[in-house]
Amino acid sequence: MSRDFRLRIDRAADRMFFLLSKVVGFIVLPSNAIALICGLGLCLSLSRWRRAGVGLLMAGIAALLIFGYSPLGNVLLLTLSERFPAWQHDGRDPDGIIVLGGAVDADISVSRGAVETNASAERVIAALELARRFPKARIVYSGGAGNLIAGLRAEAPVMGRLFEQFGIPRERIVLETRSRTTDENARFTRELVKPESGERWLLVTSAYHMPRSVGVFRKAGFDVEPYPVDWRTRGWIDAWMPFDKLSAGLARADTAAHEWVGLLVYRMTGRSDAFFPGSR
């Protein structure tokens, strides 16, 4: 099998995985799943299967209340975000800092001429702080266009301009623009920076996203040290705190469900070295 043919096969597999991940990811989110259940229940209740339809509607409403107001979303998220502790400097400076995309809306940023961040903006703040703290480290931002329907612009160029505006020299900045999934983050970044044995690389991403991220980087043969940010909770005390807004609870449950399903799928497809990676 020629190298070019194998590359085409790999690219086709990546496209298929990206497409399926977005479709499955949409369905398994509690908010979307509840809407689908209620919609189906409503349709059935207007047909000869009225009893089944009413049952589905009741189940959907119950799930809506549980995921929306109970602390279940926090419990699921805390199990992920507490997997890796905050990074501690031991006196040896890192050679490089990898920041995973997902904190910037590239389309709005380009349209408005300003960097528009989202709930994961701590990734950007951490990158700028680490760049200042470790002036010799390379700064890598890994982020392409990861949306299925909208979002045709890559995140990395937007962040590259921001880094330069904050005084980071261009020669320190490495931009990985092709990745659409966490698996591609790991593989494409490794191809780009070619880490050498003995180098120290920090991986910056949201705390709840760190287990899956570490798993794929290990699988790609890239030894990184977790630098979790964007914790979302105060700690296990929030496992007992109900939400006062339905939308807040659903959003937290959606974030957690996305990661747990991602962990399962990545392990089943061989993209991670473990189902629930942890500290070695």
C-alpha atoms as a PDB file:
ATOM      1  CA  MET A   1       0.000   0.000   0.000  1.00  0.00           C
ATOM      2  CA  SER A   2       1.490   3.342  -1.071  1.00  0.00           C
ATOM      3  CA  ARG A   3       1.997   6.143   1.436  1.00  0.00           C
ATOM      4  CA  ASP A   4      -0.321   8.501  -0.478  1.00  0.00           C
ATOM      5  CA  PHE A   5      -3.108   5.920  -0.579  1.00  0.00           C
ATOM      6  CA  ARG A   6      -2.723   5.265   3.132  1.00  0.00           C
ATOM      7  CA  LEU A   7      -2.899   8.993   3.836  1.00  0.00           C
ATOM      8  CA  ARG A   8      -6.142   9.237   1.874  1.00  0.00           C
ATOM      9  CA  ILE A   9      -7.591   6.336   3.859  1.00  0.00           C
ATOM     10  CA  ASP A  10      -6.572   7.974   7.147  1.00  0.00           C
ATOM     11  CA  ARG A  11      -8.087  11.304   6.111  1.00  0.00           C
ATOM     12  CA  ALA A  12     -11.339   9.633   5.083  1.00  0.00           C
ATOM     13  CA  ALA A  13     -11.451   7.836   8.437  1.00  0.00           C
ATOM     14  CA  ASP A  14     -10.863  11.131  10.252  1.00  0.00           C
ATOM     15  CA  ARG A  15     -13.704  12.793   8.307  1.00  0.00           C
ATOM     16  CA  MET A  16     -16.072   9.932   9.069  1.00  0.00           C
ATOM     17  CA  PHE A  17     -15.149   9.949  12.759  1.00  0.00           C
ATOM     18  CA  PHE A  18     -15.640  13.727  12.919  1.00  0.00           C
ATOM     19  CA  LEU A  19     -19.066  13.480  11.285  1.00  0.00           C
ATOM     20  CA  LEU A  20     -20.233  10.618  13.505  1.00  0.00           C
ATOM     21  CA  SER A  21     -18.871  12.271  16.638  1.00  0.00           C
ATOM     22  CA  LYS A  22     -20.907  15.397  15.943  1.00  0.00           C
ATOM     23  CA  VAL A  23     -24.112  13.481  15.162  1.00  0.00           C
ATOM     24  CA  VAL A  24     -23.833  11.156  18.158  1.00  0.00           C
ATOM     25  CA  GLY A  25     -22.685  14.059  20.326  1.00  0.00           C
ATOM     26  CA  PHE A  26     -25.853  15.960  19.448  1.00  0.00           C
ATOM     27  CA  ILE A  27     -28.153  13.067  20.302  1.00  0.00           C
ATOM     28  CA  VAL A  28     -26.599  12.102  23.649  1.00  0.00           C
ATOM     29  CA  LEU A  29     -26.683  15.579  25.187  1.00  0.00           C
ATOM     30  CA  PRO A  30     -29.355  15.464  27.906  1.00  0.00           C
ATOM     31  CA  SER A  31     -31.030  18.661  26.677  1.00  0.00           C
ATOM     32  CA  ASN A  32     -31.326  17.341  23.118  1.00  0.00           C
ATOM     33  CA  ALA A  33     -32.277  13.832  24.199  1.00  0.00           C
ATOM     34  CA  ILE A  34     -35.033  15.217  26.428  1.00  0.00           C
ATOM     35  CA  ALA A  35     -36.354  17.372  23.585  1.00  0.00           C
ATOM     36  CA  LEU A  36     -36.402  14.348  21.259  1.00  0.00           C
ATOM     37  CA  ILE A  37     -38.202  12.216  23.860  1.00  0.00           C
ATOM     38  CA  CYS A  38     -40.802  14.893  24.502  1.00  0.00           C
ATOM     39  CA  GLY A  39     -41.280  15.508  20.795  1.00  0.00           C
ATOM     40  CA  LEU A  40     -41.774  11.817  20.121  1.00  0.00           C
ATOM     41  CA  GLY A  41     -44.113  11.544  23.084  1.00  0.00           C
ATOM     42  CA  LEU A  42     -46.198  14.436  21.820  1.00  0.00           C
ATOM     43  CA  CYS A  43     -46.509  12.899  18.361  1.00  0.00           C
ATOM     44  CA  LEU A  44     -47.476   9.506  19.780  1.00  0.00           C
ATOM     45  CA  SER A  45     -50.010  11.047  22.169  1.00  0.00           C
ATOM     46  CA  LEU A  46     -51.883  12.396  19.150  1.00  0.00           C
ATOM     47  CA  SER A  47     -52.039   8.970  17.552  1.00  0.00           C
ATOM     48  CA  ARG A  48     -53.458   5.562  18.471  1.00  0.00           C
ATOM     49  CA  TRP A  49     -50.416   5.044  20.726  1.00  0.00           C
ATOM     50  CA  ARG A  50     -51.608   7.717  23.095  1.00  0.00           C
ATOM     51  CA  ARG A  51     -50.697   5.829  26.268  1.00  0.00           C
ATOM     52  CA  ALA A  52     -47.119   5.304  25.128  1.00  0.00           C
ATOM     53  CA  GLY A  53     -46.903   8.941  24.074  1.00  0.00           C
ATOM     54  CA  VAL A  54     -48.107  10.211  27.439  1.00  0.00           C
ATOM     55  CA  GLY A  55     -45.605   7.928  29.148  1.00  0.00           C
ATOM     56  CA  LEU A  56     -42.752   9.342  27.074  1.00  0.00           C
ATOM     57  CA  LEU A  57     -43.884  12.896  27.798  1.00  0.00           C
ATOM     58  CA  MET A  58     -43.909  12.194  31.534  1.00  0.00           C
ATOM     59  CA  ALA A  59     -40.474  10.580  31.324  1.00  0.00           C
ATOM     60  CA  GLY A  60     -39.152  13.569  29.397  1.00  0.00           C
ATOM     61  CA  ILE A  61     -40.525  16.050  31.925  1.00  0.00           C
ATOM     62  CA  ALA A  62     -39.076  14.018  34.815  1.00  0.00           C
ATOM     63  CA  ALA A  63     -35.654  13.933  33.107  1.00  0.00           C
ATOM     64  CA  LEU A  64     -35.885  17.673  32.464  1.00  0.00           C
ATOM     65  CA  LEU A  65     -36.451  18.379  36.156  1.00  0.00           C
ATOM     66  CA  ILE A  66     -33.746  15.973  37.309  1.00  0.00           C
ATOM     67  CA  PHE A  67     -31.028  17.205  34.932  1.00  0.00           C
ATOM     68  CA  GLY A  68     -32.124  20.827  35.210  1.00  0.00           C
ATOM     69  CA  TYR A  69     -32.398  21.285  38.965  1.00  0.00           C
ATOM     70  CA  SER A  70     -30.596  18.422  40.717  1.00  0.00           C
ATOM     71  CA  PRO A  71     -26.797  18.479  41.272  1.00  0.00           C
ATOM     72  CA  LEU A  72     -26.384  15.439  38.975  1.00  0.00           C
ATOM     73  CA  GLY A  73     -24.580  17.536  36.363  1.00  0.00           C
ATOM     74  CA  ASN A  74     -22.098  18.705  38.989  1.00  0.00           C
ATOM     75  CA  VAL A  75     -21.454  15.160  40.183  1.00  0.00           C
ATOM     76  CA  LEU A  76     -20.733  13.974  36.651  1.00  0.00           C
ATOM     77  CA  LEU A  77     -18.498  16.969  35.962  1.00  0.00           C
ATOM     78  CA  LEU A  78     -16.618  16.799  39.258  1.00  0.00           C
ATOM     79  CA  THR A  79     -15.686  13.170  38.661  1.00  0.00           C
ATOM     80  CA  LEU A  80     -13.914  14.387  35.520  1.00  0.00           C
ATOM     81  CA  SER A  81     -12.430  17.658  36.713  1.00  0.00           C
ATOM     82  CA  GLU A  82     -11.013  16.252  39.943  1.00  0.00           C
ATOM     83  CA  ARG A  83      -9.081  13.534  38.096  1.00  0.00           C
ATOM     84  CA  PHE A  84      -5.952  15.681  37.744  1.00  0.00           C
ATOM     85  CA  PRO A  85      -4.753  18.170  40.388  1.00  0.00           C
ATOM     86  CA  ALA A  86      -3.606  21.691  39.622  1.00  0.00           C
ATOM     87  CA  TRP A  87      -0.075  21.773  38.182  1.00  0.00           C
ATOM     88  CA  GLN A  88       2.729  22.689  40.558  1.00  0.00           C
ATOM     89  CA  HIS A  89       6.044  24.132  39.403  1.00  0.00           C
ATOM     90  CA  ASP A  90       8.937  22.067  40.754  1.00  0.00           C
ATOM     91  CA  GLY A  91      11.689  24.372  39.575  1.00  0.00           C
ATOM     92  CA  ARG A  92      12.139  22.921  36.100  1.00  0.00           C
ATOM     93  CA  ASP A  93      10.646  25.155  33.427  1.00  0.00           C
ATOM     94  CA  PRO A  94       8.622  23.666  30.566  1.00  0.00           C
ATOM     95  CA  ASP A  95       9.999  23.593  27.031  1.00  0.00           C
ATOM     96  CA  GLY A  96       6.565  24.044  25.512  1.00  0.00           C
ATOM     97  CA  ILE A  97       2.958  24.833  26.361  1.00  0.00           C
ATOM     98  CA  ILE A  98       0.101  23.325  24.360  1.00  0.00           C
ATOM     99  CA  VAL A  99      -3.282  25.021  24.545  1.00  0.00           C
ATOM    100  CA  LEU A 100      -6.249  23.129  23.118  1.00  0.00           C
ATOM    101  CA  GLY A 101      -8.876  24.994  21.121  1.00  0.00           C
ATOM    102  CA  GLY A 102     -12.475  25.402  22.150  1.00  0.00           C
ATOM    103  CA  ALA A 103     -12.235  28.766  23.903  1.00  0.00           C
ATOM    104  CA  VAL A 104     -12.737  31.074  20.921  1.00  0.00           C
ATOM    105  CA  ASP A 105     -15.502  31.665  18.373  1.00  0.00           C
ATOM    106  CA  ALA A 106     -13.368  32.220  15.294  1.00  0.00           C
ATOM    107  CA  ASP A 107     -16.214  33.313  13.006  1.00  0.00           C
ATOM    108  CA  ILE A 108     -17.488  36.022  15.349  1.00  0.00           C
ATOM    109  CA  SER A 109     -13.923  37.083  16.126  1.00  0.00           C
ATOM    110  CA  VAL A 110     -13.128  37.608  12.455  1.00  0.00           C
ATOM    111  CA  SER A 111     -16.464  39.275  11.708  1.00  0.00           C
ATOM    112  CA  ARG A 112     -16.213  41.674  14.645  1.00  0.00           C
ATOM    113  CA  GLY A 113     -12.474  42.260  14.502  1.00  0.00           C
ATOM    114  CA  ALA A 114     -12.085  41.264  18.150  1.00  0.00           C
ATOM    115  CA  VAL A 115     -11.324  38.035  19.991  1.00  0.00           C
ATOM    116  CA  GLU A 116     -14.609  36.557  21.221  1.00  0.00           C
ATOM    117  CA  THR A 117     -14.137  33.904  23.877  1.00  0.00           C
ATOM    118  CA  ASN A 118     -16.670  31.548  25.461  1.00  0.00           C
ATOM    119  CA  ALA A 119     -17.056  29.774  28.808  1.00  0.00           C
ATOM    120  CA  SER A 120     -13.621  28.170  28.391  1.00  0.00           C
ATOM    121  CA  ALA A 121     -11.787  31.514  28.190  1.00  0.00           C
ATOM    122  CA  GLU A 122      -9.537  30.419  31.067  1.00  0.00           C
ATOM    123  CA  ARG A 123      -7.533  28.443  28.492  1.00  0.00           C
ATOM    124  CA  VAL A 124      -6.594  31.720  26.810  1.00  0.00           C
ATOM    125  CA  ILE A 125      -5.822  33.461  30.105  1.00  0.00           C
ATOM    126  CA  ALA A 126      -3.642  30.541  31.220  1.00  0.00           C
ATOM    127  CA  ALA A 127      -1.743  30.578  27.910  1.00  0.00           C
ATOM    128  CA  LEU A 128      -0.927  34.271  28.268  1.00  0.00           C
ATOM    129  CA  GLU A 129       0.083  33.882  31.905  1.00  0.00           C
ATOM    130  CA  LEU A 130       2.309  30.864  31.196  1.00  0.00           C
ATOM    131  CA  ALA A 131       3.907  32.605  28.226  1.00  0.00           C
ATOM    132  CA  ARG A 132       4.902  35.472  30.513  1.00  0.00           C
ATOM    133  CA  ARG A 133       6.007  33.172  33.326  1.00  0.00           C
ATOM    134  CA  PHE A 134       8.155  30.929  31.115  1.00  0.00           C
ATOM    135  CA  PRO A 135       9.623  33.213  28.416  1.00  0.00           C
ATOM    136  CA  LYS A 136      11.689  30.471  26.750  1.00  0.00           C
ATOM    137  CA  ALA A 137       8.818  28.021  26.228  1.00  0.00           C
ATOM    138  CA  ARG A 138       7.169  27.553  22.851  1.00  0.00           C
ATOM    139  CA  ILE A 139       3.465  28.370  22.823  1.00  0.00           C
ATOM    140  CA  VAL A 140       1.340  25.987  20.747  1.00  0.00           C
ATOM    141  CA  TYR A 141      -2.330  26.632  20.046  1.00  0.00           C
ATOM    142  CA  SER A 142      -4.113  23.620  18.553  1.00  0.00           C
ATOM    143  CA  GLY A 143      -7.496  24.443  17.084  1.00  0.00           C
ATOM    144  CA  GLY A 144      -9.080  24.159  13.664  1.00  0.00           C
ATOM    145  CA  ALA A 145     -12.721  24.540  12.639  1.00  0.00           C
ATOM    146  CA  GLY A 146     -14.528  22.031  14.843  1.00  0.00           C
ATOM    147  CA  ASN A 147     -18.183  22.789  14.115  1.00  0.00           C
ATOM    148  CA  LEU A 148     -20.206  20.605  11.779  1.00  0.00           C
ATOM    149  CA  ILE A 149     -22.815  23.082  10.547  1.00  0.00           C
ATOM    150  CA  ALA A 150     -21.243  26.491  11.063  1.00  0.00           C
ATOM    151  CA  GLY A 151     -17.738  27.639  11.798  1.00  0.00           C
ATOM    152  CA  LEU A 152     -15.497  27.503   8.748  1.00  0.00           C
ATOM    153  CA  ARG A 153     -12.587  29.419  10.246  1.00  0.00           C
ATOM    154  CA  ALA A 154      -9.873  27.876  12.397  1.00  0.00           C
ATOM    155  CA  GLU A 155      -9.321  29.175  15.919  1.00  0.00           C
ATOM    156  CA  ALA A 156      -5.529  29.075  15.876  1.00  0.00           C
ATOM    157  CA  PRO A 157      -4.897  32.093  13.581  1.00  0.00           C
ATOM    158  CA  VAL A 158      -7.165  34.240  15.776  1.00  0.00           C
ATOM    159  CA  MET A 159      -5.197  33.230  18.852  1.00  0.00           C
ATOM    160  CA  GLY A 160      -1.896  33.718  17.057  1.00  0.00           C
ATOM    161  CA  ARG A 161      -2.747  37.359  16.461  1.00  0.00           C
ATOM    162  CA  LEU A 162      -3.817  37.759  20.092  1.00  0.00           C
ATOM    163  CA  PHE A 163      -0.555  36.273  21.354  1.00  0.00           C
ATOM    164  CA  GLU A 164       1.436  38.705  19.244  1.00  0.00           C
ATOM    165  CA  GLN A 165      -0.682  41.634  20.485  1.00  0.00           C
ATOM    166  CA  PHE A 166       0.287  40.647  24.029  1.00  0.00           C
ATOM    167  CA  GLY A 167       3.955  40.802  23.121  1.00  0.00           C
ATOM    168  CA  ILE A 168       4.749  37.132  22.523  1.00  0.00           C
ATOM    169  CA  PRO A 169       7.389  36.956  19.765  1.00  0.00           C
ATOM    170  CA  ARG A 170       6.182  35.294  16.566  1.00  0.00           C
ATOM    171  CA  GLU A 171       9.040  32.795  16.636  1.00  0.00           C
ATOM    172  CA  ARG A 172       7.726  31.371  19.929  1.00  0.00           C
ATOM    173  CA  ILE A 173       4.228  30.761  18.559  1.00  0.00           C
ATOM    174  CA  VAL A 174       3.214  27.516  16.835  1.00  0.00           C
ATOM    175  CA  LEU A 175      -0.261  27.312  15.325  1.00  0.00           C
ATOM    176  CA  GLU A 176      -1.936  23.994  14.535  1.00  0.00           C
ATOM    177  CA  THR A 177      -4.927  24.786  12.315  1.00  0.00           C
ATOM    178  CA  ARG A 178      -6.188  21.413  11.010  1.00  0.00           C
ATOM    179  CA  SER A 179      -7.592  19.660  14.080  1.00  0.00           C
ATOM    180  CA  ARG A 180     -11.350  19.258  14.563  1.00  0.00           C
ATOM    181  CA  THR A 181     -11.346  16.710  17.400  1.00  0.00           C
ATOM    182  CA  THR A 182      -9.268  16.061  20.510  1.00  0.00           C
ATOM    183  CA  ASP A 183      -7.707  13.050  18.791  1.00  0.00           C
ATOM    184  CA  GLU A 184      -6.567  15.266  15.926  1.00  0.00           C
ATOM    185  CA  ASN A 185      -5.275  17.835  18.441  1.00  0.00           C
ATOM    186  CA  ALA A 186      -2.863  15.237  19.761  1.00  0.00           C
ATOM    187  CA  ARG A 187      -1.730  13.679  16.479  1.00  0.00           C
ATOM    188  CA  PHE A 188      -1.370  16.884  14.478  1.00  0.00           C
ATOM    189  CA  THR A 189       0.383  18.733  17.296  1.00  0.00           C
ATOM    190  CA  ARG A 190       2.894  15.933  17.701  1.00  0.00           C
ATOM    191  CA  GLU A 191       3.587  15.960  13.953  1.00  0.00           C
ATOM    192  CA  LEU A 192       4.046  19.716  14.044  1.00  0.00           C
ATOM    193  CA  VAL A 193       6.326  20.227  17.066  1.00  0.00           C
ATOM    194  CA  LYS A 194       8.186  16.886  16.974  1.00  0.00           C
ATOM    195  CA  PRO A 195       8.882  16.706  20.733  1.00  0.00           C
ATOM    196  CA  GLU A 196      12.288  15.379  21.698  1.00  0.00           C
ATOM    197  CA  SER A 197      13.057  12.946  24.486  1.00  0.00           C
ATOM    198  CA  GLY A 198      13.482  14.702  27.815  1.00  0.00           C
ATOM    199  CA  GLU A 199      11.485  17.789  26.867  1.00  0.00           C
ATOM    200  CA  ARG A 200       8.781  19.011  29.216  1.00  0.00           C
ATOM    201  CA  TRP A 201       5.429  19.960  27.692  1.00  0.00           C
ATOM    202  CA  LEU A 202       2.395  21.321  29.527  1.00  0.00           C
ATOM    203  CA  LEU A 203      -1.109  20.614  28.244  1.00  0.00           C
ATOM    204  CA  VAL A 204      -3.648  23.344  28.941  1.00  0.00           C
ATOM    205  CA  THR A 205      -7.348  22.577  28.651  1.00  0.00           C
ATOM    206  CA  SER A 206     -10.504  22.578  30.759  1.00  0.00           C
ATOM    207  CA  ALA A 207     -10.280  20.376  33.846  1.00  0.00           C
ATOM    208  CA  TYR A 208     -13.275  18.266  32.778  1.00  0.00           C
ATOM    209  CA  HIS A 209     -11.687  17.745  29.335  1.00  0.00           C
ATOM    210  CA  MET A 210      -8.283  16.752  30.726  1.00  0.00           C
ATOM    211  CA  PRO A 211      -8.846  12.959  31.144  1.00  0.00           C
ATOM    212  CA  ARG A 212      -9.782  12.493  27.476  1.00  0.00           C
ATOM    213  CA  SER A 213      -7.035  14.865  26.338  1.00  0.00           C
ATOM    214  CA  VAL A 214      -4.315  13.102  28.312  1.00  0.00           C
ATOM    215  CA  GLY A 215      -5.517   9.738  27.022  1.00  0.00           C
ATOM    216  CA  VAL A 216      -5.215  10.711  23.358  1.00  0.00           C
ATOM    217  CA  PHE A 217      -1.860  12.467  23.799  1.00  0.00           C
ATOM    218  CA  ARG A 218      -0.471   9.354  25.486  1.00  0.00           C
ATOM    219  CA  LYS A 219      -1.869   7.207  22.694  1.00  0.00           C
ATOM    220  CA  ALA A 220      -0.183   9.505  20.158  1.00  0.00           C
ATOM    221  CA  GLY A 221       3.142   9.032  21.923  1.00  0.00           C
ATOM    222  CA  PHE A 222       3.315  12.590  23.220  1.00  0.00           C
ATOM    223  CA  ASP A 223       4.179  12.762  26.922  1.00  0.00           C
ATOM    224  CA  VAL A 224       2.500  15.848  28.425  1.00  0.00           C
ATOM    225  CA  GLU A 225       1.879  17.193  31.910  1.00  0.00           C
ATOM    226  CA  PRO A 226      -1.714  18.243  32.664  1.00  0.00           C
ATOM    227  CA  TYR A 227      -2.328  21.908  33.407  1.00  0.00           C
ATOM    228  CA  PRO A 228      -6.096  21.952  34.087  1.00  0.00           C
ATOM    229  CA  VAL A 229      -8.054  25.205  34.058  1.00  0.00           C
ATOM    230  CA  ASP A 230     -11.726  26.187  33.743  1.00  0.00           C
ATOM    231  CA  TRP A 231     -12.865  24.144  36.748  1.00  0.00           C
ATOM    232  CA  ARG A 232     -16.563  25.224  36.678  1.00  0.00           C
ATOM    233  CA  THR A 233     -17.119  24.127  40.313  1.00  0.00           C
ATOM    234  CA  ARG A 234     -15.764  24.913  43.776  1.00  0.00           C
ATOM    235  CA  GLY A 235     -15.162  21.236  44.538  1.00  0.00           C
ATOM    236  CA  TRP A 236     -17.168  18.336  45.907  1.00  0.00           C
ATOM    237  CA  ILE A 237     -19.244  20.713  48.007  1.00  0.00           C
ATOM    238  CA  ASP A 238     -21.116  21.488  44.794  1.00  0.00           C
ATOM    239  CA  ALA A 239     -22.172  17.848  44.501  1.00  0.00           C
ATOM    240  CA  TRP A 240     -24.881  18.695  47.021  1.00  0.00           C
ATOM    241  CA  MET A 241     -25.969  22.023  45.571  1.00  0.00           C
ATOM    242  CA  PRO A 242     -29.086  22.065  43.354  1.00  0.00           C
ATOM    243  CA  PHE A 243     -29.372  24.581  40.530  1.00  0.00           C
ATOM    244  CA  ASP A 244     -31.690  27.567  40.752  1.00  0.00           C
ATOM    245  CA  LYS A 245     -32.057  27.804  36.958  1.00  0.00           C
ATOM    246  CA  LEU A 246     -33.156  25.011  34.656  1.00  0.00           C
ATOM    247  CA  SER A 247     -30.828  26.176  31.883  1.00  0.00           C
ATOM    248  CA  ALA A 248     -27.779  26.149  34.168  1.00  0.00           C
ATOM    249  CA  GLY A 249     -28.333  22.560  35.266  1.00  0.00           C
ATOM    250  CA  LEU A 250     -28.937  21.362  31.710  1.00  0.00           C
ATOM    251  CA  ALA A 251     -25.817  23.140  30.465  1.00  0.00           C
ATOM    252  CA  ARG A 252     -23.696  21.493  33.161  1.00  0.00           C
ATOM    253  CA  ALA A 253     -25.201  18.074  32.410  1.00  0.00           C
ATOM    254  CA  ASP A 254     -24.605  18.547  28.673  1.00  0.00           C
ATOM    255  CA  THR A 255     -20.930  19.360  29.236  1.00  0.00           C
ATOM    256  CA  ALA A 256     -20.420  16.325  31.445  1.00  0.00           C
ATOM    257  CA  ALA A 257     -22.342  13.932  29.185  1.00  0.00           C
ATOM    258  CA  HIS A 258     -20.330  15.052  26.158  1.00  0.00           C
ATOM    259  CA  GLU A 259     -17.086  14.161  27.937  1.00  0.00           C
ATOM    260  CA  TRP A 260     -18.232  10.816  29.338  1.00  0.00           C
ATOM    261  CA  VAL A 261     -19.505   9.670  25.955  1.00  0.00           C
ATOM    262  CA  GLY A 262     -16.277  10.938  24.400  1.00  0.00           C
ATOM    263  CA  LEU A 263     -14.204   8.883  26.837  1.00  0.00           C
ATOM    264  CA  LEU A 264     -16.178   5.759  25.999  1.00  0.00           C
ATOM    265  CA  VAL A 265     -16.037   6.259  22.223  1.00  0.00           C
ATOM    266  CA  TYR A 266     -12.347   7.151  22.203  1.00  0.00           C
ATOM    267  CA  ARG A 267     -11.497   4.020  24.165  1.00  0.00           C
ATOM    268  CA  MET A 268     -13.698   1.773  22.002  1.00  0.00           C
ATOM    269  CA  THR A 269     -12.131   3.131  18.802  1.00  0.00           C
ATOM    270  CA  GLY A 270      -8.569   2.860  20.108  1.00  0.00           C
ATOM    271  CA  ARG A 271      -7.977   6.622  20.199  1.00  0.00           C
ATOM    272  CA  SER A 272      -7.168   6.679  23.916  1.00  0.00           C
ATOM    273  CA  ASP A 273      -4.897   4.510  26.026  1.00  0.00           C
ATOM    274  CA  ALA A 274      -7.550   4.036  28.752  1.00  0.00           C
ATOM    275  CA  PHE A 275     -11.241   4.614  29.412  1.00  0.00           C
ATOM    276  CA  PHE A 276     -10.569   7.019  32.271  1.00  0.00           C
ATOM    277  CA  PRO A 277      -6.929   8.173  32.151  1.00  0.00           C
ATOM    278  CA  GLY A 278      -5.393   9.423  35.357  1.00  0.00           C
ATOM    279  CA  SER A 279      -2.059  10.419  36.847  1.00  0.00           C
ATOM    280  CA  ARG A 280       0.668   7.856  36.448  1.00  0.00           C
END
